[in-house]
C-alpha atoms as a PDB file:
ATOM      1  CA  MET A   1     -27.058  -0.735 -60.677  1.00  0.00           C
ATOM      2  CA  ILE A   2     -28.615   0.282 -57.370  1.00  0.00           C
ATOM      3  CA  ILE A   3     -28.970  -2.630 -54.944  1.00  0.00           C
ATOM      4  CA  LEU A   4     -31.955  -2.546 -52.592  1.00  0.00           C
ATOM      5  CA  LYS A   5     -31.255  -4.060 -49.168  1.00  0.00           C
ATOM      6  CA  SER A   6     -33.516  -6.293 -47.138  1.00  0.00           C
ATOM      7  CA  ASN A   7     -34.227  -5.593 -43.469  1.00  0.00           C
ATOM      8  CA  GLU A   8     -31.750  -8.343 -42.569  1.00  0.00           C
ATOM      9  CA  GLU A   9     -29.038  -6.743 -44.684  1.00  0.00           C
ATOM     10  CA  ILE A  10     -29.733  -3.301 -43.215  1.00  0.00           C
ATOM     11  CA  ALA A  11     -29.351  -4.811 -39.742  1.00  0.00           C
ATOM     12  CA  LYS A  12     -25.867  -6.048 -40.703  1.00  0.00           C
ATOM     13  CA  ILE A  13     -24.932  -2.676 -42.186  1.00  0.00           C
ATOM     14  CA  ARG A  14     -26.211  -1.043 -38.996  1.00  0.00           C
ATOM     15  CA  GLU A  15     -23.925  -3.239 -36.893  1.00  0.00           C
ATOM     16  CA  SER A  16     -20.897  -2.365 -39.046  1.00  0.00           C
ATOM     17  CA  ASN A  17     -21.723   1.305 -38.685  1.00  0.00           C
ATOM     18  CA  ARG A  18     -22.184   0.954 -34.934  1.00  0.00           C
ATOM     19  CA  ILE A  19     -18.555  -0.166 -34.776  1.00  0.00           C
ATOM     20  CA  VAL A  20     -17.447   2.758 -36.943  1.00  0.00           C
ATOM     21  CA  ALA A  21     -19.382   5.195 -34.748  1.00  0.00           C
ATOM     22  CA  GLU A  22     -17.831   3.809 -31.580  1.00  0.00           C
ATOM     23  CA  ILE A  23     -14.331   4.175 -33.040  1.00  0.00           C
ATOM     24  CA  LEU A  24     -14.891   7.728 -34.290  1.00  0.00           C
ATOM     25  CA  GLY A  25     -16.304   8.652 -30.900  1.00  0.00           C
ATOM     26  CA  LYS A  26     -13.148   7.365 -29.223  1.00  0.00           C
ATOM     27  CA  LEU A  27     -10.908   9.250 -31.659  1.00  0.00           C
ATOM     28  CA  ARG A  28     -12.777  12.472 -30.899  1.00  0.00           C
ATOM     29  CA  GLU A  29     -12.392  11.772 -27.174  1.00  0.00           C
ATOM     30  CA  VAL A  30      -8.582  11.398 -27.351  1.00  0.00           C
ATOM     31  CA  MET A  31      -8.048  14.346 -29.712  1.00  0.00           C
ATOM     32  CA  ALA A  32      -5.609  16.850 -28.198  1.00  0.00           C
ATOM     33  CA  PRO A  33      -2.654  18.981 -29.284  1.00  0.00           C
ATOM     34  CA  GLY A  34       0.446  16.825 -29.701  1.00  0.00           C
ATOM     35  CA  ILE A  35      -1.223  13.592 -30.774  1.00  0.00           C
ATOM     36  CA  THR A  36      -0.014  12.374 -34.165  1.00  0.00           C
ATOM     37  CA  THR A  37      -2.279  11.355 -36.997  1.00  0.00           C
ATOM     38  CA  LYS A  38      -0.475   8.009 -37.005  1.00  0.00           C
ATOM     39  CA  ASP A  39      -1.447   7.561 -33.328  1.00  0.00           C
ATOM     40  CA  LEU A  40      -5.077   8.036 -34.369  1.00  0.00           C
ATOM     41  CA  ASP A  41      -4.705   5.577 -37.233  1.00  0.00           C
ATOM     42  CA  ARG A  42      -3.172   2.964 -34.938  1.00  0.00           C
ATOM     43  CA  LEU A  43      -5.972   3.346 -32.387  1.00  0.00           C
ATOM     44  CA  ALA A  44      -8.676   3.044 -35.052  1.00  0.00           C
ATOM     45  CA  GLU A  45      -7.146  -0.136 -36.468  1.00  0.00           C
ATOM     46  CA  GLU A  46      -6.671  -1.697 -33.036  1.00  0.00           C
ATOM     47  CA  MET A  47     -10.293  -1.009 -32.099  1.00  0.00           C
ATOM     48  CA  ALA A  48     -11.551  -2.453 -35.375  1.00  0.00           C
ATOM     49  CA  LYS A  49      -9.588  -5.651 -34.792  1.00  0.00           C
ATOM     50  CA  LYS A  50     -11.083  -6.007 -31.303  1.00  0.00           C
ATOM     51  CA  HIS A  51     -14.456  -6.141 -33.031  1.00  0.00           C
ATOM     52  CA  SER A  52     -13.119  -8.735 -35.509  1.00  0.00           C
ATOM     53  CA  ALA A  53     -13.644  -6.146 -38.249  1.00  0.00           C
ATOM     54  CA  ARG A  54     -11.314  -5.259 -41.105  1.00  0.00           C
ATOM     55  CA  PRO A  55     -10.473  -1.598 -41.795  1.00  0.00           C
ATOM     56  CA  ALA A  56     -12.141  -0.854 -45.117  1.00  0.00           C
ATOM     57  CA  PHE A  57      -9.705   1.693 -46.489  1.00  0.00           C
ATOM     58  CA  LYS A  58      -6.379  -0.068 -45.868  1.00  0.00           C
ATOM     59  CA  GLY A  59      -5.148  -1.344 -49.211  1.00  0.00           C
ATOM     60  CA  TYR A  60      -8.241  -0.035 -51.017  1.00  0.00           C
ATOM     61  CA  ARG A  61      -6.901   1.036 -54.405  1.00  0.00           C
ATOM     62  CA  GLY A  62      -3.500   1.127 -52.695  1.00  0.00           C
ATOM     63  CA  TYR A  63      -4.396   3.450 -49.805  1.00  0.00           C
ATOM     64  CA  PRO A  64      -1.661   2.866 -47.186  1.00  0.00           C
ATOM     65  CA  ALA A  65      -3.545   3.385 -43.893  1.00  0.00           C
ATOM     66  CA  SER A  66      -6.752   2.493 -42.058  1.00  0.00           C
ATOM     67  CA  LEU A  67      -7.952   6.018 -41.270  1.00  0.00           C
ATOM     68  CA  CYS A  68      -8.133   9.183 -43.372  1.00  0.00           C
ATOM     69  CA  THR A  69      -6.859  12.184 -41.388  1.00  0.00           C
ATOM     70  CA  SER A  70      -7.325  15.499 -43.207  1.00  0.00           C
ATOM     71  CA  VAL A  71      -6.070  18.587 -41.382  1.00  0.00           C
ATOM     72  CA  ASN A  72      -7.119  22.206 -42.017  1.00  0.00           C
ATOM     73  CA  SER A  73      -6.919  22.781 -45.799  1.00  0.00           C
ATOM     74  CA  GLU A  74      -6.885  19.033 -46.488  1.00  0.00           C
ATOM     75  CA  VAL A  75     -10.307  17.979 -47.768  1.00  0.00           C
ATOM     76  CA  VAL A  76     -10.232  14.165 -47.813  1.00  0.00           C
ATOM     77  CA  HIS A  77      -7.879  11.167 -47.996  1.00  0.00           C
ATOM     78  CA  GLY A  78      -5.163  12.652 -45.788  1.00  0.00           C
ATOM     79  CA  ILE A  79      -2.594   9.942 -45.025  1.00  0.00           C
ATOM     80  CA  PRO A  80      -1.678   9.504 -41.327  1.00  0.00           C
ATOM     81  CA  SER A  81       1.935  10.273 -40.438  1.00  0.00           C
ATOM     82  CA  ASN A  82       4.117  11.435 -37.555  1.00  0.00           C
ATOM     83  CA  ARG A  83       2.608  14.908 -37.901  1.00  0.00           C
ATOM     84  CA  GLU A  84       1.319  16.272 -34.606  1.00  0.00           C
ATOM     85  CA  VAL A  85      -1.962  18.176 -34.582  1.00  0.00           C
ATOM     86  CA  ARG A  86      -1.784  21.612 -33.002  1.00  0.00           C
ATOM     87  CA  GLU A  87      -4.056  23.840 -30.968  1.00  0.00           C
ATOM     88  CA  GLY A  88      -6.496  25.550 -33.346  1.00  0.00           C
ATOM     89  CA  ASP A  89      -6.372  22.865 -36.065  1.00  0.00           C
ATOM     90  CA  ILE A  90      -9.465  21.174 -37.396  1.00  0.00           C
ATOM     91  CA  ILE A  91      -9.153  17.555 -38.506  1.00  0.00           C
ATOM     92  CA  SER A  92     -11.505  15.382 -40.519  1.00  0.00           C
ATOM     93  CA  LEU A  93     -11.557  11.710 -39.532  1.00  0.00           C
ATOM     94  CA  ASP A  94     -13.006   9.340 -42.145  1.00  0.00           C
ATOM     95  CA  PHE A  95     -13.198   5.644 -41.241  1.00  0.00           C
ATOM     96  CA  GLY A  96     -14.802   2.490 -42.540  1.00  0.00           C
ATOM     97  CA  ILE A  97     -14.866  -1.203 -41.705  1.00  0.00           C
ATOM     98  CA  LEU A  98     -15.961  -4.510 -43.190  1.00  0.00           C
ATOM     99  CA  SER A  99     -17.729  -6.839 -40.767  1.00  0.00           C
ATOM    100  CA  LYS A 100     -19.620 -10.027 -41.594  1.00  0.00           C
ATOM    101  CA  GLY A 101     -19.696  -9.126 -45.267  1.00  0.00           C
ATOM    102  CA  TYR A 102     -21.057  -5.580 -44.962  1.00  0.00           C
ATOM    103  CA  TYR A 103     -19.411  -2.172 -44.847  1.00  0.00           C
ATOM    104  CA  GLY A 104     -19.769   0.770 -42.495  1.00  0.00           C
ATOM    105  CA  ASP A 105     -18.511   4.262 -43.347  1.00  0.00           C
ATOM    106  CA  ALA A 106     -18.712   7.615 -41.540  1.00  0.00           C
ATOM    107  CA  ALA A 107     -16.737  10.805 -40.985  1.00  0.00           C
ATOM    108  CA  ILE A 108     -16.530  13.666 -38.504  1.00  0.00           C
ATOM    109  CA  THR A 109     -14.539  16.893 -38.301  1.00  0.00           C
ATOM    110  CA  VAL A 110     -13.075  17.630 -34.887  1.00  0.00           C
ATOM    111  CA  PRO A 111     -11.588  20.846 -33.444  1.00  0.00           C
ATOM    112  CA  VAL A 112      -8.208  20.540 -31.742  1.00  0.00           C
ATOM    113  CA  GLY A 113      -8.391  22.602 -28.575  1.00  0.00           C
ATOM    114  CA  GLU A 114      -9.709  26.129 -29.049  1.00  0.00           C
ATOM    115  CA  VAL A 115     -10.405  26.863 -32.716  1.00  0.00           C
ATOM    116  CA  PRO A 116     -10.917  30.312 -34.340  1.00  0.00           C
ATOM    117  CA  ASP A 117     -14.543  31.287 -34.906  1.00  0.00           C
ATOM    118  CA  GLU A 118     -14.527  30.716 -38.663  1.00  0.00           C
ATOM    119  CA  GLY A 119     -13.284  27.153 -38.176  1.00  0.00           C
ATOM    120  CA  LYS A 120     -16.030  26.523 -35.638  1.00  0.00           C
ATOM    121  CA  ARG A 121     -18.631  27.952 -38.010  1.00  0.00           C
ATOM    122  CA  LEU A 122     -17.367  25.840 -40.909  1.00  0.00           C
ATOM    123  CA  ILE A 123     -17.661  22.671 -38.808  1.00  0.00           C
ATOM    124  CA  LYS A 124     -21.150  23.644 -37.648  1.00  0.00           C
ATOM    125  CA  ILE A 125     -22.491  24.450 -41.118  1.00  0.00           C
ATOM    126  CA  THR A 126     -20.976  21.306 -42.649  1.00  0.00           C
ATOM    127  CA  GLU A 127     -22.563  19.052 -40.039  1.00  0.00           C
ATOM    128  CA  GLU A 128     -25.894  20.870 -40.378  1.00  0.00           C
ATOM    129  CA  SER A 129     -25.776  20.451 -44.158  1.00  0.00           C
ATOM    130  CA  LEU A 130     -25.391  16.693 -43.712  1.00  0.00           C
ATOM    131  CA  TYR A 131     -28.575  16.555 -41.669  1.00  0.00           C
ATOM    132  CA  ARG A 132     -30.384  18.772 -44.181  1.00  0.00           C
ATOM    133  CA  GLY A 133     -29.485  16.226 -46.852  1.00  0.00           C
ATOM    134  CA  ILE A 134     -30.498  13.281 -44.679  1.00  0.00           C
ATOM    135  CA  GLN A 135     -33.943  14.830 -44.117  1.00  0.00           C
ATOM    136  CA  GLU A 136     -34.558  14.512 -47.870  1.00  0.00           C
ATOM    137  CA  ALA A 137     -33.575  10.810 -48.009  1.00  0.00           C
ATOM    138  CA  ARG A 138     -37.185   9.631 -48.155  1.00  0.00           C
ATOM    139  CA  ALA A 139     -38.985   7.208 -50.438  1.00  0.00           C
ATOM    140  CA  GLY A 140     -40.610   9.132 -53.289  1.00  0.00           C
ATOM    141  CA  ASN A 141     -38.139  12.005 -53.209  1.00  0.00           C
ATOM    142  CA  ARG A 142     -35.412  12.288 -55.819  1.00  0.00           C
ATOM    143  CA  LEU A 143     -31.659  12.116 -55.424  1.00  0.00           C
ATOM    144  CA  GLY A 144     -31.348  15.784 -56.378  1.00  0.00           C
ATOM    145  CA  ASP A 145     -33.409  16.706 -53.321  1.00  0.00           C
ATOM    146  CA  ILE A 146     -30.594  15.435 -51.069  1.00  0.00           C
ATOM    147  CA  SER A 147     -27.933  17.215 -53.114  1.00  0.00           C
ATOM    148  CA  ALA A 148     -29.796  20.504 -53.292  1.00  0.00           C
ATOM    149  CA  ALA A 149     -30.547  20.558 -49.562  1.00  0.00           C
ATOM    150  CA  VAL A 150     -26.838  20.276 -48.781  1.00  0.00           C
ATOM    151  CA  GLN A 151     -25.831  22.899 -51.333  1.00  0.00           C
ATOM    152  CA  GLU A 152     -28.481  25.402 -50.292  1.00  0.00           C
ATOM    153  CA  HIS A 153     -27.464  25.326 -46.637  1.00  0.00           C
ATOM    154  CA  VAL A 154     -23.744  25.548 -47.364  1.00  0.00           C
ATOM    155  CA  GLU A 155     -23.940  28.359 -49.878  1.00  0.00           C
ATOM    156  CA  SER A 156     -26.393  30.384 -47.782  1.00  0.00           C
ATOM    157  CA  ALA A 157     -23.644  30.476 -45.138  1.00  0.00           C
ATOM    158  CA  GLY A 158     -21.061  31.754 -47.628  1.00  0.00           C
ATOM    159  CA  PHE A 159     -19.140  28.492 -47.984  1.00  0.00           C
ATOM    160  CA  SER A 160     -18.753  26.198 -51.004  1.00  0.00           C
ATOM    161  CA  VAL A 161     -19.457  22.537 -51.692  1.00  0.00           C
ATOM    162  CA  VAL A 162     -16.663  20.360 -53.073  1.00  0.00           C
ATOM    163  CA  ARG A 163     -17.731  19.008 -56.464  1.00  0.00           C
ATOM    164  CA  ASP A 164     -14.930  16.574 -57.305  1.00  0.00           C
ATOM    165  CA  PHE A 165     -15.870  14.059 -54.578  1.00  0.00           C
ATOM    166  CA  VAL A 166     -19.304  12.689 -53.732  1.00  0.00           C
ATOM    167  CA  GLY A 167     -21.270  10.340 -51.512  1.00  0.00           C
ATOM    168  CA  HIS A 168     -22.208   6.826 -52.604  1.00  0.00           C
ATOM    169  CA  GLY A 169     -24.299   3.743 -52.099  1.00  0.00           C
ATOM    170  CA  ILE A 170     -22.888   1.187 -49.658  1.00  0.00           C
ATOM    171  CA  GLY A 171     -23.504  -2.423 -48.657  1.00  0.00           C
ATOM    172  CA  LYS A 172     -21.497  -5.494 -49.630  1.00  0.00           C
ATOM    173  CA  SER A 173     -19.199  -3.081 -51.477  1.00  0.00           C
ATOM    174  CA  LEU A 174     -17.713   0.082 -50.002  1.00  0.00           C
ATOM    175  CA  HIS A 175     -18.737   2.143 -53.015  1.00  0.00           C
ATOM    176  CA  GLU A 176     -21.949   1.217 -54.807  1.00  0.00           C
ATOM    177  CA  ASP A 177     -24.311   3.092 -57.082  1.00  0.00           C
ATOM    178  CA  PRO A 178     -25.565   5.756 -57.027  1.00  0.00           C
ATOM    179  CA  GLN A 179     -23.100   8.584 -56.680  1.00  0.00           C
ATOM    180  CA  ILE A 180     -24.511  11.312 -54.448  1.00  0.00           C
ATOM    181  CA  PRO A 181     -23.234  14.813 -55.279  1.00  0.00           C
ATOM    182  CA  ASN A 182     -23.499  17.485 -52.607  1.00  0.00           C
ATOM    183  CA  TYR A 183     -24.858  19.949 -55.141  1.00  0.00           C
ATOM    184  CA  GLY A 184     -27.780  19.668 -57.527  1.00  0.00           C
ATOM    185  CA  THR A 185     -31.362  20.526 -58.386  1.00  0.00           C
ATOM    186  CA  ARG A 186     -34.502  19.480 -56.543  1.00  0.00           C
ATOM    187  CA  GLY A 187     -36.787  17.139 -58.468  1.00  0.00           C
ATOM    188  CA  ARG A 188     -33.934  15.712 -60.556  1.00  0.00           C
ATOM    189  CA  GLY A 189     -32.272  12.306 -60.460  1.00  0.00           C
ATOM    190  CA  ILE A 190     -33.477   8.838 -59.513  1.00  0.00           C
ATOM    191  CA  VAL A 191     -36.571   8.294 -57.385  1.00  0.00           C
ATOM    192  CA  LEU A 192     -35.572   7.162 -53.883  1.00  0.00           C
ATOM    193  CA  ARG A 193     -36.935   3.818 -52.696  1.00  0.00           C
ATOM    194  CA  GLU A 194     -37.171   1.906 -49.450  1.00  0.00           C
ATOM    195  CA  GLY A 195     -34.132  -0.356 -49.066  1.00  0.00           C
ATOM    196  CA  MET A 196     -31.602   2.059 -50.548  1.00  0.00           C
ATOM    197  CA  VAL A 197     -28.592   2.663 -48.306  1.00  0.00           C
ATOM    198  CA  PHE A 198     -26.425   5.724 -48.880  1.00  0.00           C
ATOM    199  CA  ALA A 199     -23.238   7.203 -47.452  1.00  0.00           C
ATOM    200  CA  ILE A 200     -24.041  10.926 -47.576  1.00  0.00           C
ATOM    201  CA  GLU A 201     -20.924  13.036 -47.052  1.00  0.00           C
ATOM    202  CA  PRO A 202     -20.723  16.789 -47.556  1.00  0.00           C
ATOM    203  CA  MET A 203     -17.213  18.184 -48.003  1.00  0.00           C
ATOM    204  CA  VAL A 204     -17.335  21.947 -47.515  1.00  0.00           C
ATOM    205  CA  ASN A 205     -14.675  24.565 -48.144  1.00  0.00           C
ATOM    206  CA  GLU A 206     -14.248  27.911 -46.450  1.00  0.00           C
ATOM    207  CA  GLY A 207     -13.286  29.467 -49.789  1.00  0.00           C
ATOM    208  CA  THR A 208     -13.848  28.211 -53.338  1.00  0.00           C
ATOM    209  CA  PHE A 209     -14.769  24.624 -54.155  1.00  0.00           C
ATOM    210  CA  ASP A 210     -11.635  24.080 -56.256  1.00  0.00           C
ATOM    211  CA  VAL A 211      -9.369  21.305 -55.001  1.00  0.00           C
ATOM    212  CA  THR A 212      -6.199  19.544 -56.088  1.00  0.00           C
ATOM    213  CA  VAL A 213      -4.450  16.275 -55.227  1.00  0.00           C
ATOM    214  CA  SER A 214      -1.123  16.480 -53.383  1.00  0.00           C
ATOM    215  CA  ARG A 215       2.107  14.841 -54.506  1.00  0.00           C
ATOM    216  CA  ASP A 216       1.419  11.787 -52.365  1.00  0.00           C
ATOM    217  CA  GLY A 217      -1.321  10.914 -54.855  1.00  0.00           C
ATOM    218  CA  TRP A 218      -4.014  10.775 -52.172  1.00  0.00           C
ATOM    219  CA  THR A 219      -4.392  13.888 -50.033  1.00  0.00           C
ATOM    220  CA  VAL A 220      -6.910  16.310 -51.548  1.00  0.00           C
ATOM    221  CA  VAL A 221      -6.382  19.957 -50.562  1.00  0.00           C
ATOM    222  CA  THR A 222      -8.205  23.223 -51.192  1.00  0.00           C
ATOM    223  CA  ARG A 223      -6.617  25.077 -54.073  1.00  0.00           C
ATOM    224  CA  ASP A 224      -6.776  28.389 -52.186  1.00  0.00           C
ATOM    225  CA  GLY A 225      -5.309  26.960 -48.966  1.00  0.00           C
ATOM    226  CA  LYS A 226      -8.416  27.740 -46.900  1.00  0.00           C
ATOM    227  CA  LEU A 227     -10.086  25.369 -44.449  1.00  0.00           C
ATOM    228  CA  SER A 228     -12.248  22.373 -45.323  1.00  0.00           C
ATOM    229  CA  ALA A 229     -14.595  20.193 -43.240  1.00  0.00           C
ATOM    230  CA  HIS A 230     -16.237  16.809 -43.850  1.00  0.00           C
ATOM    231  CA  PHE A 231     -19.085  14.890 -42.222  1.00  0.00           C
ATOM    232  CA  GLU A 232     -20.588  11.565 -43.284  1.00  0.00           C
ATOM    233  CA  HIS A 233     -23.353   9.218 -42.175  1.00  0.00           C
ATOM    234  CA  THR A 234     -24.575   5.950 -43.612  1.00  0.00           C
ATOM    235  CA  VAL A 235     -28.348   6.222 -44.007  1.00  0.00           C
ATOM    236  CA  ALA A 236     -31.048   3.673 -44.864  1.00  0.00           C
ATOM    237  CA  ILE A 237     -34.300   4.719 -46.514  1.00  0.00           C
ATOM    238  CA  SER A 238     -37.120   3.020 -44.620  1.00  0.00           C
ATOM    239  CA  ASN A 239     -40.901   3.250 -44.726  1.00  0.00           C
ATOM    240  CA  ASN A 240     -40.580   5.561 -41.708  1.00  0.00           C
ATOM    241  CA  GLY A 241     -38.161   7.922 -43.436  1.00  0.00           C
ATOM    242  CA  PRO A 242     -34.362   8.133 -43.209  1.00  0.00           C
ATOM    243  CA  GLU A 243     -32.626   5.990 -40.600  1.00  0.00           C
ATOM    244  CA  ILE A 244     -29.090   7.020 -39.635  1.00  0.00           C
ATOM    245  CA  LEU A 245     -27.036   3.859 -39.108  1.00  0.00           C
ATOM    246  CA  SER A 246     -23.806   5.533 -37.963  1.00  0.00           C
ATOM    247  CA  ILE A 247     -24.685   7.828 -35.069  1.00  0.00           C
ATOM    248  CA  VAL A 248     -21.422   8.906 -33.439  1.00  0.00           C
ATOM    249  CA  GLY A 249     -21.687   9.045 -29.650  1.00  0.00           C
END
């Protein structure tokens, strides 16, 4: 069941996402060779607590950390550890919080120092594909319009869209209906309505879209070992079009 949100509820979701955006912005600011993914996790959790917010992922279905840190060929759900990031890595940072009964959720992919051109291009195309999808999040459009816009941009650049993991509705629950694939056909799927709030999150691979789950039971990696990038915004559908609630400064 898709839950439409009132303006008051959207305001609360916006505030949760403002906190998420502030934290992701800080993580991007401190990113440098030698920092550990556990350092990043600790900073994210500390900042959330200063806002009296609870990290959304910690303990969710048994996930052991507050932040997802996915490096290079890791797609999503990378578990923070004592691993140091190195010059030339790319790292996806996915973070969410619960504040005053409503969730915020967003993700960015960050270069570590100077990154090879193909890594830079992958990051650029993935972020662009997110905004292409967001442009279609308008009342009267269909869900497939979002999905197709992402897929078209990614595949025109020679990359592939991950199919095993998708975006989702969000509000009082972290994951609500509907699921939002990053591939699809225009004109298909549910009709979009004012009051819907979505977490749209393209995951894009340098090579094929095939992925597998690592032995830790969480970290998803590209099957061919090539790079992956991930961007996510929480977006409300308003009578003025899509409103991004999680702008990362």
